Structures are given as C-alpha cells and as structure tokens.
Amino acid sequence: MSRLDLRLIPTHPDRAAGLGFVGDTQRAFWIVVFACSTTFAGILANEIVYGGVPLKTYRFSIAGYAASVLLFFLMPLLMFTPRLVRAKEKGLRDYGALAVAHNHMFDRKWVQGENPGGEPVLGTPEISSLADLGAAYAVLDRMKFVPFEPEDGIVLLLAALVPMLPLLLTIMPVDELLELLSKLLV
C-alpha cells in the first residue's frame, strides 16, 4: 500500500496526511495480542508454580515479548514515514509560499491602504481566508511522521501485559498487590 500513488493531504486533520485510519486499525488487534499473552502467561505460570522457577527469571522475556508486540504491529506502518516526511516538507514549502503571497496582498490592501474599491474591513473574505490559511498551516506544522498515535501502542502494550499481572501473585501477597495497583491508578 505504501507504494501506491497515494494523494496525501498534508493539512488533513488526522495529522498523518489522511493515513491516520491505518494506525487505528492496528489498535483492533488488541484481542489477538491479549489471547497470545494469556497463553504466554499460562506457560510462565506453569513454570513458576510447578517448575519452581522464580518470576524474576522471566523479566527480560516478558519485556522482550511486549517490545516484540509493538514491533510486530506498529513497525510495518513505518514504511509510510518517508512518504509522510516528503508530504510534510512539500506542504510546508507550498503552503509557506501561498501564505507569503496571501499575506503580502492582505498587507497591501488593508494595512498599506491600497484598497481600490474602498471596501470596509469588517466582514471581508480576506480576513477569514487569512485565519483559515493560518489554521491549515498550524495543522501542517504539527503533522506526524508515523500514521499512528501513541495510544495505539499503549492499547497493544496493555493487551500484552495485563494477562501477566496474576504472575505477580507468586512474589507478593494480594493485599500488597492491590495497594500497589491503587497507588498506580491514583
């Protein structure tokens, strides 16, 4: 899909030139990640409870699993990054040139007093278009280089790690675990 002749719109409100929906679809994989994580947590629980292996032994495995989930689901979207970078650079050039030309004409007409028709300033379309152009440039300036939000990664990360929480019961009592969770949530 990244090789298609996409018509990227750098001023799109999703701040990803219209590709924001691609990242939103990755978030839907949380259920698959959760199912795999539940299986992984079950295997680890079996090793901890019946094999006598301490949970601490698996800390790097759990961290590696969480990182691999993010890489597996979000890294393919990085193929859009070069196109998004080029779209932003071109958009900044194009909209910058448009803004300069528009501001120059606005300044000549309304500030320098070269208003040939003697129109009143109140309610003129030039003022509205100046504000619209400024808003479009602000959206363009905040454009991202990846078509996903940090929240997409957080959803996947939570789906990967929440099934691991019961494993903490093997190293700390329930009341301490609940106290720790309450501190984290507050």
N, C-alpha and C. Protein backbone atom coordinates (compact mmCIF):
# COMPACT_ATOMS: atom_id res chain seq x y z
N MET A 1 0.82 -1.18 0.00
CA MET A 1 0.00 0.00 0.00
C MET A 1 0.87 1.26 0.00
N SER A 2 2.05 1.19 0.63
CA SER A 2 2.90 2.37 0.69
C SER A 2 3.47 2.74 -0.68
N ARG A 3 3.44 1.81 -1.63
CA ARG A 3 3.97 2.09 -2.97
C ARG A 3 2.88 2.60 -3.91
N LEU A 4 1.65 2.63 -3.47
CA LEU A 4 0.57 3.16 -4.29
C LEU A 4 0.76 4.65 -4.50
N ASP A 5 0.17 5.14 -5.55
CA ASP A 5 0.22 6.58 -5.81
C ASP A 5 -0.84 7.25 -4.93
N LEU A 6 -0.51 7.42 -3.67
CA LEU A 6 -1.44 7.99 -2.71
C LEU A 6 -1.47 9.51 -2.85
N ARG A 7 -2.65 10.06 -2.72
CA ARG A 7 -2.79 11.52 -2.71
C ARG A 7 -2.82 11.97 -1.27
N LEU A 8 -1.66 12.15 -0.71
CA LEU A 8 -1.56 12.57 0.68
C LEU A 8 -1.89 14.04 0.81
N ILE A 9 -2.69 14.36 1.81
CA ILE A 9 -3.11 15.74 2.05
C ILE A 9 -2.47 16.18 3.35
N PRO A 10 -1.39 16.96 3.27
CA PRO A 10 -0.64 17.30 4.48
C PRO A 10 -1.44 18.07 5.52
N THR A 11 -2.52 18.74 5.12
CA THR A 11 -3.31 19.51 6.08
C THR A 11 -4.50 18.72 6.61
N HIS A 12 -4.51 17.42 6.38
CA HIS A 12 -5.61 16.58 6.89
C HIS A 12 -5.63 16.67 8.42
N PRO A 13 -6.82 16.75 9.01
CA PRO A 13 -6.90 16.91 10.47
C PRO A 13 -6.36 15.73 11.29
N ASP A 14 -6.16 14.57 10.67
CA ASP A 14 -5.61 13.45 11.45
C ASP A 14 -4.11 13.60 11.68
N ARG A 15 -3.51 14.65 11.13
CA ARG A 15 -2.09 14.97 11.27
C ARG A 15 -1.19 13.87 10.71
N ALA A 16 -1.76 13.02 9.83
CA ALA A 16 -0.98 11.97 9.17
C ALA A 16 -1.29 11.96 7.67
N ALA A 17 -1.63 13.12 7.13
CA ALA A 17 -1.90 13.30 5.69
C ALA A 17 -3.04 12.41 5.19
N GLY A 18 -3.94 12.04 6.06
CA GLY A 18 -5.07 11.20 5.68
C GLY A 18 -4.86 9.72 5.92
N LEU A 19 -3.71 9.35 6.48
CA LEU A 19 -3.40 7.94 6.73
C LEU A 19 -3.64 7.53 8.18
N GLY A 20 -4.23 8.37 8.98
CA GLY A 20 -4.45 8.07 10.39
C GLY A 20 -5.29 6.82 10.61
N PHE A 21 -6.19 6.53 9.68
CA PHE A 21 -7.04 5.34 9.82
C PHE A 21 -6.22 4.05 9.82
N VAL A 22 -5.05 4.07 9.19
CA VAL A 22 -4.21 2.87 9.14
C VAL A 22 -3.74 2.50 10.54
N GLY A 23 -3.35 3.50 11.32
CA GLY A 23 -2.94 3.25 12.70
C GLY A 23 -4.09 2.82 13.58
N ASP A 24 -5.27 3.38 13.30
CA ASP A 24 -6.45 3.00 14.09
C ASP A 24 -6.77 1.52 13.93
N THR A 25 -6.52 0.96 12.75
CA THR A 25 -6.81 -0.45 12.52
C THR A 25 -5.89 -1.35 13.35
N GLN A 26 -4.67 -0.89 13.60
CA GLN A 26 -3.74 -1.71 14.40
C GLN A 26 -4.25 -1.89 15.83
N ARG A 27 -4.94 -0.90 16.33
CA ARG A 27 -5.47 -0.97 17.69
C ARG A 27 -6.45 -2.12 17.83
N ALA A 28 -7.13 -2.50 16.74
CA ALA A 28 -8.12 -3.57 16.79
C ALA A 28 -7.49 -4.94 17.05
N PHE A 29 -6.19 -5.05 16.90
CA PHE A 29 -5.51 -6.33 17.13
C PHE A 29 -5.28 -6.61 18.62
N TRP A 30 -5.77 -5.76 19.49
CA TRP A 30 -5.56 -5.96 20.93
C TRP A 30 -6.09 -7.31 21.37
N ILE A 31 -7.19 -7.76 20.79
CA ILE A 31 -7.79 -9.03 21.21
C ILE A 31 -6.88 -10.20 20.86
N VAL A 32 -6.21 -10.14 19.73
CA VAL A 32 -5.26 -11.20 19.34
C VAL A 32 -4.06 -11.18 20.28
N VAL A 33 -3.56 -9.98 20.57
CA VAL A 33 -2.43 -9.84 21.48
C VAL A 33 -2.80 -10.35 22.87
N PHE A 34 -4.01 -10.00 23.33
CA PHE A 34 -4.47 -10.43 24.64
C PHE A 34 -4.54 -11.96 24.71
N ALA A 35 -5.06 -12.59 23.66
CA ALA A 35 -5.16 -14.06 23.64
C ALA A 35 -3.78 -14.70 23.67
N CYS A 36 -2.86 -14.19 22.89
CA CYS A 36 -1.49 -14.74 22.89
C CYS A 36 -0.82 -14.52 24.23
N SER A 37 -1.05 -13.35 24.82
CA SER A 37 -0.44 -13.03 26.11
C SER A 37 -0.99 -13.92 27.21
N THR A 38 -2.26 -14.25 27.13
CA THR A 38 -2.87 -15.14 28.12
C THR A 38 -2.21 -16.52 28.04
N THR A 39 -1.98 -16.99 26.84
CA THR A 39 -1.30 -18.28 26.66
C THR A 39 0.12 -18.22 27.20
N PHE A 40 0.83 -17.14 26.88
CA PHE A 40 2.20 -16.96 27.34
C PHE A 40 2.25 -16.89 28.87
N ALA A 41 1.29 -16.17 29.47
CA ALA A 41 1.24 -16.06 30.92
C ALA A 41 0.94 -17.43 31.55
N GLY A 42 0.11 -18.23 30.89
CA GLY A 42 -0.19 -19.57 31.40
C GLY A 42 1.04 -20.47 31.39
N ILE A 43 1.82 -20.38 30.34
CA ILE A 43 3.06 -21.17 30.25
C ILE A 43 4.03 -20.74 31.35
N LEU A 44 4.16 -19.43 31.54
CA LEU A 44 5.06 -18.93 32.59
C LEU A 44 4.56 -19.33 33.97
N ALA A 45 3.24 -19.26 34.19
CA ALA A 45 2.67 -19.64 35.49
C ALA A 45 2.97 -21.11 35.78
N ASN A 46 2.87 -21.95 34.77
CA ASN A 46 3.17 -23.37 34.95
C ASN A 46 4.62 -23.57 35.36
N GLU A 47 5.53 -22.85 34.71
CA GLU A 47 6.95 -22.95 35.05
C GLU A 47 7.24 -22.42 36.46
N ILE A 48 6.54 -21.34 36.83
CA ILE A 48 6.77 -20.73 38.14
C ILE A 48 6.21 -21.60 39.26
N VAL A 49 4.97 -22.05 39.10
CA VAL A 49 4.30 -22.80 40.17
C VAL A 49 4.81 -24.23 40.27
N TYR A 50 4.90 -24.93 39.14
CA TYR A 50 5.26 -26.33 39.18
C TYR A 50 6.75 -26.59 38.92
N GLY A 51 7.42 -25.67 38.27
CA GLY A 51 8.84 -25.86 37.99
C GLY A 51 9.74 -25.19 39.00
N GLY A 52 9.16 -24.32 39.84
CA GLY A 52 9.94 -23.64 40.86
C GLY A 52 10.84 -22.54 40.34
N VAL A 53 10.61 -22.08 39.12
CA VAL A 53 11.42 -21.00 38.55
C VAL A 53 10.86 -19.67 39.04
N PRO A 54 11.70 -18.80 39.58
CA PRO A 54 11.20 -17.50 40.06
C PRO A 54 10.77 -16.59 38.90
N LEU A 55 9.76 -15.79 39.16
CA LEU A 55 9.24 -14.85 38.15
C LEU A 55 10.34 -13.92 37.66
N LYS A 56 11.24 -13.54 38.55
CA LYS A 56 12.33 -12.63 38.22
C LYS A 56 13.15 -13.14 37.03
N THR A 57 13.20 -14.43 36.87
CA THR A 57 13.95 -15.04 35.77
C THR A 57 13.36 -14.64 34.41
N TYR A 58 12.06 -14.40 34.38
CA TYR A 58 11.38 -14.13 33.11
C TYR A 58 11.19 -12.64 32.81
N ARG A 59 11.77 -11.77 33.60
CA ARG A 59 11.54 -10.34 33.40
C ARG A 59 11.98 -9.88 32.01
N PHE A 60 13.10 -10.37 31.51
CA PHE A 60 13.56 -9.98 30.18
C PHE A 60 12.71 -10.61 29.09
N SER A 61 12.23 -11.82 29.34
CA SER A 61 11.35 -12.48 28.36
C SER A 61 10.04 -11.71 28.23
N ILE A 62 9.49 -11.27 29.36
CA ILE A 62 8.23 -10.52 29.33
C ILE A 62 8.45 -9.17 28.66
N ALA A 63 9.53 -8.49 28.99
CA ALA A 63 9.82 -7.20 28.36
C ALA A 63 10.07 -7.37 26.86
N GLY A 64 10.78 -8.41 26.49
CA GLY A 64 11.03 -8.69 25.08
C GLY A 64 9.76 -9.02 24.32
N TYR A 65 8.87 -9.76 25.00
CA TYR A 65 7.57 -10.07 24.38
C TYR A 65 6.77 -8.80 24.13
N ALA A 66 6.72 -7.93 25.13
CA ALA A 66 5.96 -6.67 24.98
C ALA A 66 6.56 -5.82 23.86
N ALA A 67 7.88 -5.74 23.80
CA ALA A 67 8.53 -4.97 22.74
C ALA A 67 8.27 -5.59 21.37
N SER A 68 8.29 -6.92 21.29
CA SER A 68 8.05 -7.57 20.01
C SER A 68 6.61 -7.37 19.53
N VAL A 69 5.67 -7.29 20.45
CA VAL A 69 4.28 -7.00 20.07
C VAL A 69 4.21 -5.63 19.40
N LEU A 70 4.84 -4.64 20.02
CA LEU A 70 4.84 -3.29 19.43
C LEU A 70 5.53 -3.29 18.07
N LEU A 71 6.66 -3.97 17.98
CA LEU A 71 7.38 -4.03 16.71
C LEU A 71 6.56 -4.74 15.63
N PHE A 72 5.93 -5.83 15.99
CA PHE A 72 5.19 -6.62 15.02
C PHE A 72 3.99 -5.86 14.47
N PHE A 73 3.30 -5.12 15.33
CA PHE A 73 2.08 -4.46 14.88
C PHE A 73 2.27 -3.02 14.42
N LEU A 74 3.28 -2.33 14.92
CA LEU A 74 3.45 -0.92 14.54
C LEU A 74 4.60 -0.68 13.56
N MET A 75 5.60 -1.54 13.57
CA MET A 75 6.74 -1.33 12.69
C MET A 75 6.36 -1.35 11.21
N PRO A 76 5.45 -2.19 10.75
CA PRO A 76 5.08 -2.14 9.33
C PRO A 76 4.54 -0.78 8.89
N LEU A 77 3.98 -0.03 9.82
CA LEU A 77 3.45 1.29 9.47
C LEU A 77 4.56 2.31 9.23
N LEU A 78 5.77 1.98 9.66
CA LEU A 78 6.88 2.89 9.44
C LEU A 78 7.27 3.00 7.97
N MET A 79 6.75 2.09 7.13
CA MET A 79 7.03 2.18 5.70
C MET A 79 6.40 3.43 5.09
N PHE A 80 5.43 4.02 5.79
CA PHE A 80 4.82 5.25 5.31
C PHE A 80 5.62 6.50 5.69
N THR A 81 6.58 6.36 6.58
CA THR A 81 7.33 7.50 7.10
C THR A 81 8.01 8.32 6.01
N PRO A 82 8.73 7.72 5.06
CA PRO A 82 9.37 8.55 4.03
C PRO A 82 8.35 9.37 3.23
N ARG A 83 7.21 8.76 2.92
CA ARG A 83 6.17 9.49 2.16
C ARG A 83 5.59 10.63 3.00
N LEU A 84 5.41 10.38 4.29
CA LEU A 84 4.87 11.43 5.16
C LEU A 84 5.87 12.57 5.34
N VAL A 85 7.15 12.23 5.43
CA VAL A 85 8.18 13.27 5.55
C VAL A 85 8.19 14.14 4.30
N ARG A 86 8.16 13.49 3.12
CA ARG A 86 8.15 14.26 1.87
C ARG A 86 6.88 15.10 1.75
N ALA A 87 5.74 14.54 2.15
CA ALA A 87 4.48 15.29 2.08
C ALA A 87 4.52 16.51 2.99
N LYS A 88 5.09 16.36 4.18
CA LYS A 88 5.18 17.50 5.10
C LYS A 88 6.12 18.56 4.55
N GLU A 89 7.28 18.15 4.06
CA GLU A 89 8.23 19.11 3.51
C GLU A 89 7.64 19.87 2.32
N LYS A 90 6.98 19.14 1.42
CA LYS A 90 6.36 19.78 0.26
C LYS A 90 5.22 20.69 0.71
N GLY A 91 4.42 20.23 1.66
CA GLY A 91 3.32 21.04 2.16
C GLY A 91 3.81 22.32 2.82
N LEU A 92 4.87 22.22 3.59
CA LEU A 92 5.42 23.42 4.23
C LEU A 92 5.93 24.42 3.19
N ARG A 93 6.57 23.89 2.15
CA ARG A 93 7.03 24.79 1.07
C ARG A 93 5.85 25.44 0.34
N ASP A 94 4.88 24.60 -0.07
CA ASP A 94 3.75 25.10 -0.85
C ASP A 94 2.88 26.05 -0.05
N TYR A 95 2.52 25.64 1.16
CA TYR A 95 1.66 26.50 1.98
C TYR A 95 2.42 27.72 2.48
N GLY A 96 3.73 27.59 2.65
CA GLY A 96 4.53 28.74 3.03
C GLY A 96 4.54 29.80 1.93
N ALA A 97 4.71 29.33 0.69
CA ALA A 97 4.69 30.27 -0.45
C ALA A 97 3.30 30.90 -0.59
N LEU A 98 2.26 30.11 -0.43
CA LEU A 98 0.89 30.63 -0.50
C LEU A 98 0.65 31.66 0.60
N ALA A 99 1.13 31.36 1.79
CA ALA A 99 0.94 32.28 2.92
C ALA A 99 1.67 33.59 2.69
N VAL A 100 2.87 33.52 2.15
CA VAL A 100 3.62 34.74 1.87
C VAL A 100 2.87 35.60 0.85
N ALA A 101 2.42 34.97 -0.24
CA ALA A 101 1.70 35.71 -1.27
C ALA A 101 0.40 36.30 -0.70
N HIS A 102 -0.34 35.50 0.04
CA HIS A 102 -1.61 35.97 0.61
C HIS A 102 -1.38 37.09 1.62
N ASN A 103 -0.40 36.95 2.48
CA ASN A 103 -0.12 37.98 3.48
C ASN A 103 0.36 39.27 2.83
N HIS A 104 1.12 39.12 1.76
CA HIS A 104 1.59 40.31 1.05
C HIS A 104 0.40 41.08 0.46
N MET A 105 -0.50 40.35 -0.21
CA MET A 105 -1.69 41.01 -0.79
C MET A 105 -2.57 41.61 0.30
N PHE A 106 -2.72 40.88 1.42
CA PHE A 106 -3.54 41.38 2.53
C PHE A 106 -2.94 42.67 3.10
N ASP A 107 -1.62 42.64 3.29
CA ASP A 107 -0.94 43.81 3.83
C ASP A 107 -1.09 45.01 2.89
N ARG A 108 -0.89 44.79 1.59
CA ARG A 108 -1.03 45.89 0.63
C ARG A 108 -2.44 46.46 0.65
N LYS A 109 -3.44 45.58 0.69
CA LYS A 109 -4.82 46.06 0.59
C LYS A 109 -5.29 46.73 1.87
N TRP A 110 -5.04 46.08 3.03
CA TRP A 110 -5.68 46.56 4.26
C TRP A 110 -4.75 47.37 5.16
N VAL A 111 -3.48 47.09 5.16
CA VAL A 111 -2.57 47.82 6.05
C VAL A 111 -1.97 49.04 5.34
N GLN A 112 -1.51 48.83 4.10
CA GLN A 112 -0.90 49.93 3.36
C GLN A 112 -1.94 50.86 2.72
N GLY A 113 -3.19 50.42 2.72
CA GLY A 113 -4.27 51.28 2.23
C GLY A 113 -4.47 51.27 0.73
N GLU A 114 -4.01 50.22 0.05
CA GLU A 114 -4.20 50.14 -1.40
C GLU A 114 -5.52 49.42 -1.70
N ASN A 115 -6.58 49.81 -1.05
CA ASN A 115 -7.90 49.20 -1.21
C ASN A 115 -8.62 49.94 -2.35
N PRO A 116 -8.58 49.37 -3.58
CA PRO A 116 -9.10 50.11 -4.72
C PRO A 116 -10.62 50.34 -4.66
N GLY A 117 -11.35 49.43 -4.10
CA GLY A 117 -12.81 49.58 -4.07
C GLY A 117 -13.30 50.31 -2.84
N GLY A 118 -12.42 50.63 -1.92
CA GLY A 118 -12.82 51.29 -0.69
C GLY A 118 -13.72 50.43 0.18
N GLU A 119 -13.54 49.09 0.11
CA GLU A 119 -14.36 48.18 0.91
C GLU A 119 -14.07 48.35 2.39
N PRO A 120 -15.09 48.17 3.24
CA PRO A 120 -14.83 48.20 4.68
C PRO A 120 -14.15 46.90 5.13
N VAL A 121 -13.32 46.98 6.15
CA VAL A 121 -12.58 45.81 6.65
C VAL A 121 -13.53 44.78 7.24
N LEU A 122 -14.56 45.20 7.90
CA LEU A 122 -15.48 44.31 8.59
C LEU A 122 -16.17 43.36 7.63
N GLY A 123 -16.04 42.08 7.86
CA GLY A 123 -16.75 41.07 7.07
C GLY A 123 -16.13 40.77 5.73
N THR A 124 -14.90 41.13 5.48
CA THR A 124 -14.28 40.84 4.19
C THR A 124 -13.77 39.40 4.17
N PRO A 125 -13.84 38.78 3.00
CA PRO A 125 -13.38 37.38 2.91
C PRO A 125 -11.88 37.23 3.12
N GLU A 126 -11.10 38.29 2.90
CA GLU A 126 -9.66 38.19 3.05
C GLU A 126 -9.27 37.86 4.49
N ILE A 127 -9.98 38.45 5.45
CA ILE A 127 -9.66 38.21 6.86
C ILE A 127 -9.96 36.75 7.22
N SER A 128 -11.10 36.26 6.74
CA SER A 128 -11.46 34.86 7.01
C SER A 128 -10.46 33.91 6.36
N SER A 129 -10.07 34.20 5.12
CA SER A 129 -9.12 33.31 4.44
C SER A 129 -7.75 33.37 5.10
N LEU A 130 -7.40 34.52 5.67
CA LEU A 130 -6.13 34.63 6.39
C LEU A 130 -6.13 33.73 7.61
N ALA A 131 -7.24 33.72 8.33
CA ALA A 131 -7.36 32.85 9.50
C ALA A 131 -7.38 31.37 9.09
N ASP A 132 -8.09 31.06 8.00
CA ASP A 132 -8.15 29.67 7.53
C ASP A 132 -6.78 29.18 7.08
N LEU A 133 -6.05 30.04 6.41
CA LEU A 133 -4.70 29.68 5.96
C LEU A 133 -3.78 29.45 7.16
N GLY A 134 -3.92 30.29 8.17
CA GLY A 134 -3.13 30.11 9.38
C GLY A 134 -3.45 28.81 10.09
N ALA A 135 -4.73 28.45 10.14
CA ALA A 135 -5.14 27.19 10.77
C ALA A 135 -4.62 25.99 9.99
N ALA A 136 -4.68 26.07 8.65
CA ALA A 136 -4.17 24.97 7.82
C ALA A 136 -2.67 24.81 8.01
N TYR A 137 -1.95 25.90 8.09
CA TYR A 137 -0.51 25.84 8.28
C TYR A 137 -0.16 25.28 9.66
N ALA A 138 -0.98 25.61 10.66
CA ALA A 138 -0.74 25.07 12.01
C ALA A 138 -0.93 23.56 12.04
N VAL A 139 -1.95 23.05 11.33
CA VAL A 139 -2.16 21.61 11.25
C VAL A 139 -0.98 20.96 10.54
N LEU A 140 -0.55 21.57 9.46
CA LEU A 140 0.59 21.06 8.70
C LEU A 140 1.86 21.03 9.54
N ASP A 141 2.06 22.05 10.33
CA ASP A 141 3.25 22.14 11.18
C ASP A 141 3.28 21.03 12.23
N ARG A 142 2.11 20.57 12.68
CA ARG A 142 2.02 19.51 13.69
C ARG A 142 1.88 18.11 13.07
N MET A 143 2.05 18.01 11.77
CA MET A 143 1.91 16.72 11.09
C MET A 143 2.93 15.72 11.63
N LYS A 144 2.48 14.46 11.79
CA LYS A 144 3.33 13.40 12.31
C LYS A 144 4.04 12.68 11.17
N PHE A 145 5.09 11.96 11.51
CA PHE A 145 5.81 11.18 10.51
C PHE A 145 5.44 9.71 10.55
N VAL A 146 4.52 9.34 11.43
CA VAL A 146 4.02 7.98 11.50
C VAL A 146 2.49 8.03 11.51
N PRO A 147 1.83 7.06 10.88
CA PRO A 147 0.37 7.11 10.80
C PRO A 147 -0.33 6.45 11.99
N PHE A 148 0.22 6.59 13.17
CA PHE A 148 -0.45 6.06 14.35
C PHE A 148 -0.20 6.98 15.52
N GLU A 149 -1.05 6.84 16.52
CA GLU A 149 -0.96 7.65 17.74
C GLU A 149 -0.26 6.83 18.82
N PRO A 150 0.31 7.48 19.82
CA PRO A 150 0.89 6.73 20.94
C PRO A 150 -0.15 5.84 21.63
N GLU A 151 -1.41 6.27 21.62
CA GLU A 151 -2.47 5.47 22.25
C GLU A 151 -2.61 4.10 21.59
N ASP A 152 -2.34 4.00 20.29
CA ASP A 152 -2.41 2.71 19.61
C ASP A 152 -1.39 1.74 20.21
N GLY A 153 -0.19 2.24 20.46
CA GLY A 153 0.84 1.41 21.08
C GLY A 153 0.51 1.07 22.52
N ILE A 154 -0.09 2.01 23.24
CA ILE A 154 -0.45 1.77 24.64
C ILE A 154 -1.50 0.67 24.74
N VAL A 155 -2.49 0.70 23.84
CA VAL A 155 -3.53 -0.34 23.85
C VAL A 155 -2.90 -1.71 23.62
N LEU A 156 -2.00 -1.80 22.66
CA LEU A 156 -1.34 -3.09 22.38
C LEU A 156 -0.45 -3.52 23.54
N LEU A 157 0.24 -2.56 24.14
CA LEU A 157 1.11 -2.87 25.28
C LEU A 157 0.30 -3.36 26.48
N LEU A 158 -0.82 -2.72 26.75
CA LEU A 158 -1.68 -3.17 27.84
C LEU A 158 -2.23 -4.57 27.57
N ALA A 159 -2.62 -4.82 26.33
CA ALA A 159 -3.13 -6.15 25.97
C ALA A 159 -2.05 -7.21 26.15
N ALA A 160 -0.81 -6.83 25.98
CA ALA A 160 0.30 -7.78 26.16
C ALA A 160 0.64 -8.01 27.61
N LEU A 161 0.50 -6.97 28.46
CA LEU A 161 0.98 -7.07 29.84
C LEU A 161 -0.09 -7.38 30.88
N VAL A 162 -1.33 -7.02 30.62
CA VAL A 162 -2.38 -7.27 31.62
C VAL A 162 -2.50 -8.75 31.98
N PRO A 163 -2.43 -9.68 31.01
CA PRO A 163 -2.50 -11.10 31.40
C PRO A 163 -1.33 -11.56 32.27
N MET A 164 -0.26 -10.78 32.32
CA MET A 164 0.90 -11.14 33.14
C MET A 164 0.72 -10.73 34.60
N LEU A 165 -0.24 -9.84 34.87
CA LEU A 165 -0.42 -9.34 36.24
C LEU A 165 -0.64 -10.44 37.29
N PRO A 166 -1.43 -11.49 37.01
CA PRO A 166 -1.58 -12.54 38.03
C PRO A 166 -0.27 -13.23 38.42
N LEU A 167 0.73 -13.15 37.55
CA LEU A 167 2.03 -13.75 37.89
C LEU A 167 2.68 -13.04 39.07
N LEU A 168 2.29 -11.77 39.29
CA LEU A 168 2.84 -11.03 40.43
C LEU A 168 2.41 -11.65 41.76
N LEU A 169 1.31 -12.39 41.74
CA LEU A 169 0.85 -13.04 42.97
C LEU A 169 1.83 -14.11 43.45
N THR A 170 2.74 -14.53 42.58
CA THR A 170 3.73 -15.53 43.00
C THR A 170 4.86 -14.91 43.80
N ILE A 171 4.97 -13.56 43.78
CA ILE A 171 6.06 -12.93 44.52
C ILE A 171 5.60 -11.95 45.59
N MET A 172 4.30 -11.61 45.59
CA MET A 172 3.79 -10.70 46.63
C MET A 172 2.36 -11.06 46.98
N PRO A 173 1.98 -10.84 48.24
CA PRO A 173 0.61 -11.14 48.66
C PRO A 173 -0.41 -10.24 47.97
N VAL A 174 -1.66 -10.69 47.95
CA VAL A 174 -2.75 -9.98 47.27
C VAL A 174 -2.93 -8.56 47.82
N ASP A 175 -2.88 -8.40 49.16
CA ASP A 175 -3.11 -7.08 49.73
C ASP A 175 -2.03 -6.08 49.31
N GLU A 176 -0.77 -6.52 49.23
CA GLU A 176 0.30 -5.63 48.77
C GLU A 176 0.12 -5.29 47.29
N LEU A 177 -0.30 -6.28 46.51
CA LEU A 177 -0.51 -6.06 45.09
C LEU A 177 -1.65 -5.07 44.85
N LEU A 178 -2.74 -5.21 45.61
CA LEU A 178 -3.86 -4.28 45.48
C LEU A 178 -3.46 -2.87 45.91
N GLU A 179 -2.66 -2.77 46.95
CA GLU A 179 -2.18 -1.46 47.41
C GLU A 179 -1.30 -0.81 46.33
N LEU A 180 -0.44 -1.59 45.73
CA LEU A 180 0.42 -1.09 44.66
C LEU A 180 -0.41 -0.63 43.46
N LEU A 181 -1.42 -1.41 43.09
CA LEU A 181 -2.28 -1.05 41.96
C LEU A 181 -3.08 0.22 42.26
N SER A 182 -3.55 0.35 43.50
CA SER A 182 -4.31 1.56 43.86
C SER A 182 -3.43 2.81 43.79
N LYS A 183 -2.17 2.67 44.17
CA LYS A 183 -1.24 3.80 44.07
C LYS A 183 -0.98 4.17 42.62
N LEU A 184 -0.89 3.15 41.75
CA LEU A 184 -0.65 3.40 40.33
C LEU A 184 -1.84 4.07 39.66
N LEU A 185 -3.04 3.71 40.08
CA LEU A 185 -4.25 4.24 39.46
C LEU A 185 -4.61 5.63 39.95
N VAL A 186 -4.12 6.02 41.12
CA VAL A 186 -4.47 7.34 41.69
C VAL A 186 -3.54 8.41 41.23
